[in-house]
């Protein structure tokens, strides 16, 4: 593998972002109830195999390639998605606690840095998980729908980031040239 490839632009990152995006879209859409008869539990198999197994394996490959940030993110998220998919939750408090701890991981990934799209994915995912945790503790379906929409947004950003890397689309807004009399120091 070419070691000159910047973090976040390699094929391993693309695969990880696609897996994460698909999982977030499925789980988010399940919480929004946008599609009649589809619930968050219907996304369990996608979360188990795509968000869990595929993301975990992608993370291991990224770590092997020397991508510590991507490898850490994908392996941890893969393990958490797999656990979410195979665990039978007994109470809203149990679900809320799991989602809250999952949110702390997303927060760590957000503040760890990286490219703007990656931080956007993890930031939106963090908000989603916090809202879903509160909804689970309070047994509030309306708040769960809002959390689902944040997950959908995070999934869409992850999908765009992966597709943009493959299609060579822009991943950053162009910077505006400084106006008259404006210098780099102000």
Protein backbone atom coordinates (compact mmCIF):
# COMPACT_ATOMS: atom_id res chain seq x y z
CA UNK A 1 0.00 0.00 0.00
CA UNK A 2 1.23 3.48 -0.81
CA UNK A 3 2.24 5.13 2.47
CA UNK A 4 1.98 8.60 0.91
CA UNK A 5 -1.82 8.42 0.93
CA UNK A 6 -3.16 10.83 3.50
CA UNK A 7 -5.27 9.56 6.36
CA UNK A 8 -8.91 9.31 5.39
CA UNK A 9 -8.38 8.97 1.65
CA UNK A 10 -7.36 5.29 1.34
CA UNK A 11 -9.64 2.51 0.17
CA UNK A 12 -9.82 1.11 3.72
CA UNK A 13 -11.29 4.40 4.91
CA UNK A 14 -13.75 4.38 2.01
CA UNK A 15 -14.91 0.86 2.90
CA UNK A 16 -15.22 1.81 6.59
CA UNK A 17 -17.20 4.92 5.81
CA UNK A 18 -19.54 3.02 3.49
CA UNK A 19 -20.15 0.37 6.15
CA UNK A 20 -20.74 3.00 8.81
CA UNK A 21 -22.96 5.07 6.50
CA UNK A 22 -25.15 2.11 5.54
CA UNK A 23 -25.52 1.10 9.18
CA UNK A 24 -26.36 4.62 10.33
CA UNK A 25 -28.90 5.06 7.54
CA UNK A 26 -30.59 1.75 8.35
CA UNK A 27 -30.75 2.32 12.10
CA UNK A 28 -31.68 5.99 11.70
CA UNK A 29 -34.48 5.29 9.24
CA UNK A 30 -35.73 2.58 11.59
CA UNK A 31 -36.01 5.10 14.42
CA UNK A 32 -37.70 7.76 12.29
CA UNK A 33 -40.53 5.46 11.22
CA UNK A 34 -40.31 7.14 7.81
CA UNK A 35 -40.80 3.81 6.04
CA UNK A 36 -44.06 2.16 7.05
CA UNK A 37 -43.51 -0.97 9.09
CA UNK A 38 -39.72 -0.54 9.43
CA UNK A 39 -38.35 -0.15 12.94
CA UNK A 40 -34.89 0.12 14.45
CA UNK A 41 -34.97 -3.58 15.33
CA UNK A 42 -35.31 -4.34 11.60
CA UNK A 43 -31.80 -2.91 11.16
CA UNK A 44 -30.26 -5.42 13.58
CA UNK A 45 -28.89 -7.74 10.88
CA UNK A 46 -27.36 -4.81 8.98
CA UNK A 47 -25.86 -3.53 12.24
CA UNK A 48 -24.54 -6.99 13.08
CA UNK A 49 -22.89 -7.85 9.77
CA UNK A 50 -22.17 -4.53 8.04
CA UNK A 51 -21.79 -2.26 11.06
CA UNK A 52 -20.30 -4.97 13.25
CA UNK A 53 -18.32 -7.58 11.38
CA UNK A 54 -17.40 -5.65 8.22
CA UNK A 55 -16.53 -2.47 10.13
CA UNK A 56 -14.45 -4.39 12.68
CA UNK A 57 -12.49 -6.24 9.98
CA UNK A 58 -11.98 -2.97 8.09
CA UNK A 59 -10.62 -1.46 11.29
CA UNK A 60 -8.16 -4.32 11.71
CA UNK A 61 -6.96 -3.84 8.13
CA UNK A 62 -6.59 -0.09 8.73
CA UNK A 63 -4.53 -0.76 11.85
CA UNK A 64 -2.34 -3.18 9.89
CA UNK A 65 -1.80 -0.46 7.26
CA UNK A 66 -0.71 2.00 9.94
CA UNK A 67 -3.90 4.09 10.05
CA UNK A 68 -4.27 4.36 13.82
CA UNK A 69 -7.18 6.84 13.74
CA UNK A 70 -9.30 4.96 11.19
CA UNK A 71 -8.38 1.59 12.62
CA UNK A 72 -9.32 2.60 16.13
CA UNK A 73 -12.60 4.18 15.03
CA UNK A 74 -13.69 1.27 12.84
CA UNK A 75 -12.75 -1.53 15.26
CA UNK A 76 -14.39 0.13 18.26
CA UNK A 77 -17.51 1.08 16.32
CA UNK A 78 -17.66 -2.40 14.78
CA UNK A 79 -17.52 -4.01 18.22
CA UNK A 80 -20.22 -1.67 19.54
CA UNK A 81 -22.53 -2.19 16.53
CA UNK A 82 -22.13 -5.96 16.82
CA UNK A 83 -22.92 -5.82 20.54
CA UNK A 84 -25.99 -3.63 19.91
CA UNK A 85 -27.26 -6.05 17.26
CA UNK A 86 -26.92 -9.26 19.26
CA UNK A 87 -27.95 -7.98 22.71
CA UNK A 88 -31.50 -8.45 23.90
CA UNK A 89 -32.25 -5.34 25.91
CA UNK A 90 -34.30 -5.96 29.02
CA UNK A 91 -35.12 -2.37 29.93
CA UNK A 92 -35.04 1.20 28.72
CA UNK A 93 -32.38 1.96 31.33
CA UNK A 94 -30.12 -0.78 29.96
CA UNK A 95 -30.55 0.55 26.42
CA UNK A 96 -30.02 4.12 27.60
CA UNK A 97 -26.80 3.23 29.40
CA UNK A 98 -25.42 1.37 26.37
CA UNK A 99 -26.31 4.28 24.05
CA UNK A 100 -24.78 6.79 26.45
CA UNK A 101 -21.50 4.85 26.59
CA UNK A 102 -21.60 4.45 22.81
CA UNK A 103 -22.06 8.26 22.62
CA UNK A 104 -18.88 8.80 24.63
CA UNK A 105 -16.95 6.82 22.01
CA UNK A 106 -18.48 8.98 19.25
CA UNK A 107 -17.55 12.11 21.21
CA UNK A 108 -13.95 10.89 21.53
CA UNK A 109 -13.82 10.28 17.78
CA UNK A 110 -15.26 13.74 17.13
CA UNK A 111 -12.73 15.63 19.21
CA UNK A 112 -9.81 13.44 18.08
CA UNK A 113 -9.64 15.43 14.86
CA UNK A 114 -9.31 14.20 11.34
CA UNK A 115 -10.95 15.51 8.23
CA UNK A 116 -14.02 17.72 8.35
CA UNK A 117 -16.41 15.10 6.96
CA UNK A 118 -15.22 12.48 9.44
CA UNK A 119 -15.69 14.88 12.34
CA UNK A 120 -19.13 15.74 10.96
CA UNK A 121 -20.12 12.06 10.88
CA UNK A 122 -18.95 11.42 14.42
CA UNK A 123 -20.44 14.68 15.73
CA UNK A 124 -23.87 13.95 14.25
CA UNK A 125 -23.61 10.37 15.47
CA UNK A 126 -22.79 11.64 18.99
CA UNK A 127 -25.89 13.87 19.02
CA UNK A 128 -27.99 10.99 17.73
CA UNK A 129 -26.77 8.63 20.43
CA UNK A 130 -27.33 11.17 23.22
CA UNK A 131 -30.88 11.80 22.01
CA UNK A 132 -31.55 8.06 21.66
CA UNK A 133 -30.14 7.45 25.16
CA UNK A 134 -32.36 10.11 26.69
CA UNK A 135 -35.32 8.74 24.74
CA UNK A 136 -34.60 5.24 26.07
CA UNK A 137 -34.33 6.46 29.68
CA UNK A 138 -37.52 8.55 29.35
CA UNK A 139 -39.34 6.10 27.05
CA UNK A 140 -39.99 8.99 24.67
CA UNK A 141 -40.75 7.92 21.10
CA UNK A 142 -40.71 11.47 19.75
CA UNK A 143 -37.18 12.07 20.97
CA UNK A 144 -36.12 8.73 19.49
CA UNK A 145 -37.40 9.92 16.10
CA UNK A 146 -35.29 13.08 16.37
CA UNK A 147 -32.27 10.94 17.29
CA UNK A 148 -33.02 8.78 14.28
CA UNK A 149 -32.93 11.80 12.00
CA UNK A 150 -29.49 12.73 13.36
CA UNK A 151 -28.35 9.16 12.61
CA UNK A 152 -29.73 9.49 9.07
CA UNK A 153 -27.79 12.75 8.65
CA UNK A 154 -24.60 11.12 9.97
CA UNK A 155 -25.11 8.18 7.62
CA UNK A 156 -25.62 10.50 4.66
CA UNK A 157 -22.41 12.39 5.47
CA UNK A 158 -20.47 9.11 5.84
CA UNK A 159 -21.88 7.85 2.54
CA UNK A 160 -21.00 11.16 0.82
CA UNK A 161 -17.44 11.09 2.24
CA UNK A 162 -16.88 7.58 0.88
CA UNK A 163 -18.48 8.30 -2.48
CA UNK A 164 -16.60 11.60 -2.81
CA UNK A 165 -13.29 9.81 -2.27
CA UNK A 166 -14.15 7.25 -4.97
CA UNK A 167 -15.60 9.75 -7.45
CA UNK A 168 -13.08 12.54 -6.72
CA UNK A 169 -15.82 14.91 -5.63
CA UNK A 170 -15.00 17.85 -3.40
CA UNK A 171 -14.69 17.11 0.29
CA UNK A 172 -14.02 20.66 1.49
CA UNK A 173 -15.56 24.02 0.76
CA UNK A 174 -13.31 26.24 -1.32
CA UNK A 175 -11.69 29.05 0.64
CA UNK A 176 -12.65 32.59 -0.30
CA UNK A 177 -9.80 34.85 -1.23
CA UNK A 178 -9.07 37.57 1.29
CA UNK A 179 -10.71 40.87 0.51
CA UNK A 180 -8.96 44.15 -0.12
CA UNK A 181 -6.75 45.22 2.73
CA UNK A 182 -7.09 41.91 4.56
CA UNK A 183 -3.88 40.09 5.36
CA UNK A 184 -3.18 36.73 6.92
CA UNK A 185 -2.54 38.44 10.24
CA UNK A 186 -5.72 40.42 10.17
